Amino acid sequence: MERIDYYRDAIEKIIQQHAVEQNPKDADRVQVVFDRTRDNYLLLYVGWDGEERIYGCPIHINISNGKIWVQQDFTEEGLANQLVELGVPNTDIVLGFRSPYVRQFTGFAVA
């Protein structure tokens, strides 16, 4: 359980960092969602720009069966790389946005 708690903290730290780095004029559109009960972690953009609806999910991570699944990653650095920098082993990170076949070539876990 200690390992999973560490993973939760690392994920939250990374998402908070990305939330803070947003343009200050867009700060009211940024929503951070941490659900530790179901282990789902998201960064969302929600709002309006005049008559245009703004909605997007640039970051979605969940923990399943002891592994971190990166479901959505629209960051420049790469969430998996940031997790590795925080001490998470490659073998515990799955690039869920990649097809199961392609995952074997990524250097991260396949499932």
C-alpha atoms as a PDB file:
ATOM      1  CA  MET A   1       0.000   0.000   0.000  1.00  0.00           C
ATOM      2  CA  GLU A   2       2.920   2.327   0.655  1.00  0.00           C
ATOM      3  CA  ARG A   3       3.985   2.067  -2.985  1.00  0.00           C
ATOM      4  CA  ILE A   4       0.468   2.926  -4.214  1.00  0.00           C
ATOM      5  CA  ASP A   5       0.287   5.896  -1.839  1.00  0.00           C
ATOM      6  CA  TYR A   6       3.612   7.104  -3.232  1.00  0.00           C
ATOM      7  CA  TYR A   7       2.229   6.728  -6.774  1.00  0.00           C
ATOM      8  CA  ARG A   8      -0.863   8.730  -5.841  1.00  0.00           C
ATOM      9  CA  ASP A   9       1.259  11.514  -4.391  1.00  0.00           C
ATOM     10  CA  ALA A  10       3.533  11.576  -7.463  1.00  0.00           C
ATOM     11  CA  ILE A  11       0.585  11.734  -9.868  1.00  0.00           C
ATOM     12  CA  GLU A  12      -1.067  14.532  -7.906  1.00  0.00           C
ATOM     13  CA  LYS A  13       2.191  16.489  -7.757  1.00  0.00           C
ATOM     14  CA  ILE A  14       2.645  16.281 -11.533  1.00  0.00           C
ATOM     15  CA  ILE A  15      -0.949  17.265 -12.308  1.00  0.00           C
ATOM     16  CA  GLN A  16      -0.854  20.180  -9.843  1.00  0.00           C
ATOM     17  CA  GLN A  17       2.350  21.364 -11.488  1.00  0.00           C
ATOM     18  CA  HIS A  18       0.702  21.340 -14.927  1.00  0.00           C
ATOM     19  CA  ALA A  19      -2.385  23.112 -13.547  1.00  0.00           C
ATOM     20  CA  VAL A  20      -0.289  25.925 -12.074  1.00  0.00           C
ATOM     21  CA  GLU A  21       1.713  26.369 -15.292  1.00  0.00           C
ATOM     22  CA  GLN A  22      -1.384  27.403 -17.260  1.00  0.00           C
ATOM     23  CA  ASN A  23      -1.831  30.926 -18.536  1.00  0.00           C
ATOM     24  CA  PRO A  24      -3.220  33.020 -15.630  1.00  0.00           C
ATOM     25  CA  LYS A  25      -6.067  34.281 -17.833  1.00  0.00           C
ATOM     26  CA  ASP A  26      -7.188  30.646 -18.202  1.00  0.00           C
ATOM     27  CA  ALA A  27      -6.921  29.791 -14.506  1.00  0.00           C
ATOM     28  CA  ASP A  28     -10.693  29.784 -13.992  1.00  0.00           C
ATOM     29  CA  ARG A  29     -11.019  27.112 -16.706  1.00  0.00           C
ATOM     30  CA  VAL A  30      -8.585  24.656 -15.109  1.00  0.00           C
ATOM     31  CA  GLN A  31     -10.045  21.879 -12.976  1.00  0.00           C
ATOM     32  CA  VAL A  32      -8.061  19.239 -11.145  1.00  0.00           C
ATOM     33  CA  VAL A  33      -9.861  16.010 -10.259  1.00  0.00           C
ATOM     34  CA  PHE A  34      -8.293  13.577  -7.786  1.00  0.00           C
ATOM     35  CA  ASP A  35     -10.363  10.508  -6.899  1.00  0.00           C
ATOM     36  CA  ARG A  36      -8.195   8.428  -4.564  1.00  0.00           C
ATOM     37  CA  THR A  37     -11.031   5.983  -3.886  1.00  0.00           C
ATOM     38  CA  ARG A  38     -11.203   4.880  -7.535  1.00  0.00           C
ATOM     39  CA  ASP A  39      -7.654   6.029  -8.396  1.00  0.00           C
ATOM     40  CA  ASN A  40      -8.564   8.394 -11.247  1.00  0.00           C
ATOM     41  CA  TYR A  41      -6.640  11.645 -11.725  1.00  0.00           C
ATOM     42  CA  LEU A  42      -7.467  14.289 -14.336  1.00  0.00           C
ATOM     43  CA  LEU A  43      -6.653  17.775 -15.482  1.00  0.00           C
ATOM     44  CA  LEU A  44      -9.610  19.375 -17.267  1.00  0.00           C
ATOM     45  CA  TYR A  45     -10.288  22.615 -19.111  1.00  0.00           C
ATOM     46  CA  VAL A  46     -13.907  23.684 -18.728  1.00  0.00           C
ATOM     47  CA  GLY A  47     -15.485  27.005 -19.599  1.00  0.00           C
ATOM     48  CA  TRP A  48     -16.453  29.446 -22.298  1.00  0.00           C
ATOM     49  CA  ASP A  49     -14.621  31.826 -24.599  1.00  0.00           C
ATOM     50  CA  GLY A  50     -17.398  34.122 -25.739  1.00  0.00           C
ATOM     51  CA  GLU A  51     -19.853  31.795 -27.474  1.00  0.00           C
ATOM     52  CA  GLU A  52     -17.314  28.977 -27.862  1.00  0.00           C
ATOM     53  CA  ARG A  53     -17.423  26.074 -25.413  1.00  0.00           C
ATOM     54  CA  ILE A  54     -14.067  25.057 -23.955  1.00  0.00           C
ATOM     55  CA  TYR A  55     -13.749  21.464 -22.766  1.00  0.00           C
ATOM     56  CA  GLY A  56     -10.738  19.204 -22.823  1.00  0.00           C
ATOM     57  CA  CYS A  57      -8.898  16.588 -20.834  1.00  0.00           C
ATOM     58  CA  PRO A  58      -5.157  16.921 -21.506  1.00  0.00           C
ATOM     59  CA  ILE A  59      -4.184  14.606 -18.635  1.00  0.00           C
ATOM     60  CA  HIS A  60      -5.887  11.426 -17.462  1.00  0.00           C
ATOM     61  CA  ILE A  61      -4.091   8.889 -15.284  1.00  0.00           C
ATOM     62  CA  ASN A  62      -5.434   5.991 -13.281  1.00  0.00           C
ATOM     63  CA  ILE A  63      -3.980   3.258 -11.109  1.00  0.00           C
ATOM     64  CA  SER A  64      -5.130  -0.291 -11.784  1.00  0.00           C
ATOM     65  CA  ASN A  65      -3.695  -3.565 -10.499  1.00  0.00           C
ATOM     66  CA  GLY A  66      -0.719  -1.773  -8.970  1.00  0.00           C
ATOM     67  CA  LYS A  67       0.290  -0.015 -12.193  1.00  0.00           C
ATOM     68  CA  ILE A  68      -0.030   3.572 -13.327  1.00  0.00           C
ATOM     69  CA  TRP A  69      -1.991   3.840 -16.576  1.00  0.00           C
ATOM     70  CA  VAL A  70      -1.421   7.031 -18.555  1.00  0.00           C
ATOM     71  CA  GLN A  71      -4.707   7.240 -20.473  1.00  0.00           C
ATOM     72  CA  GLN A  72      -4.282  10.725 -21.968  1.00  0.00           C
ATOM     73  CA  ASP A  73      -1.111  12.790 -22.247  1.00  0.00           C
ATOM     74  CA  PHE A  74      -1.001  16.111 -24.074  1.00  0.00           C
ATOM     75  CA  THR A  75       2.110  17.355 -22.262  1.00  0.00           C
ATOM     76  CA  GLU A  76       5.426  18.238 -23.850  1.00  0.00           C
ATOM     77  CA  GLU A  77       7.558  16.389 -21.287  1.00  0.00           C
ATOM     78  CA  GLY A  78       5.558  13.193 -21.237  1.00  0.00           C
ATOM     79  CA  LEU A  79       3.857  12.117 -18.031  1.00  0.00           C
ATOM     80  CA  ALA A  80       5.608   8.745 -18.030  1.00  0.00           C
ATOM     81  CA  ASN A  81       8.995  10.469 -18.132  1.00  0.00           C
ATOM     82  CA  GLN A  82       7.998  12.740 -15.269  1.00  0.00           C
ATOM     83  CA  LEU A  83       6.868   9.730 -13.228  1.00  0.00           C
ATOM     84  CA  VAL A  84      10.207   7.997 -13.857  1.00  0.00           C
ATOM     85  CA  GLU A  85      12.020  11.152 -12.678  1.00  0.00           C
ATOM     86  CA  LEU A  86      10.049  10.865  -9.427  1.00  0.00           C
ATOM     87  CA  GLY A  87      11.211   7.286  -8.921  1.00  0.00           C
ATOM     88  CA  VAL A  88       8.408   5.222 -10.456  1.00  0.00           C
ATOM     89  CA  PRO A  89       9.898   2.213 -12.286  1.00  0.00           C
ATOM     90  CA  ASN A  90       9.177   1.858 -16.025  1.00  0.00           C
ATOM     91  CA  THR A  91       7.702  -1.567 -15.292  1.00  0.00           C
ATOM     92  CA  ASP A  92       4.872   0.064 -13.299  1.00  0.00           C
ATOM     93  CA  ILE A  93       3.837   2.555 -16.002  1.00  0.00           C
ATOM     94  CA  VAL A  94       1.516   1.610 -18.864  1.00  0.00           C
ATOM     95  CA  LEU A  95       0.958   3.944 -21.802  1.00  0.00           C
ATOM     96  CA  GLY A  96      -2.758   3.244 -22.068  1.00  0.00           C
ATOM     97  CA  PHE A  97      -3.152   5.634 -25.006  1.00  0.00           C
ATOM     98  CA  ARG A  98      -0.939   3.334 -27.099  1.00  0.00           C
ATOM     99  CA  SER A  99      -2.333   0.164 -28.654  1.00  0.00           C
ATOM    100  CA  PRO A 100      -1.480  -3.053 -26.799  1.00  0.00           C
ATOM    101  CA  TYR A 101       0.706  -4.141 -29.712  1.00  0.00           C
ATOM    102  CA  VAL A 102       2.764  -0.912 -29.720  1.00  0.00           C
ATOM    103  CA  ARG A 103       3.327  -0.895 -25.940  1.00  0.00           C
ATOM    104  CA  GLN A 104       5.970  -3.626 -26.201  1.00  0.00           C
ATOM    105  CA  PHE A 105       8.237  -1.155 -28.029  1.00  0.00           C
ATOM    106  CA  THR A 106       7.836   1.802 -25.620  1.00  0.00           C
ATOM    107  CA  GLY A 107      10.189   0.793 -22.813  1.00  0.00           C
ATOM    108  CA  PHE A 108       7.283   0.802 -20.372  1.00  0.00           C
ATOM    109  CA  ALA A 109       4.930  -1.921 -19.133  1.00  0.00           C
ATOM    110  CA  VAL A 110       2.576  -3.541 -21.635  1.00  0.00           C
ATOM    111  CA  ALA A 111      -0.268  -4.029 -19.142  1.00  0.00           C
END
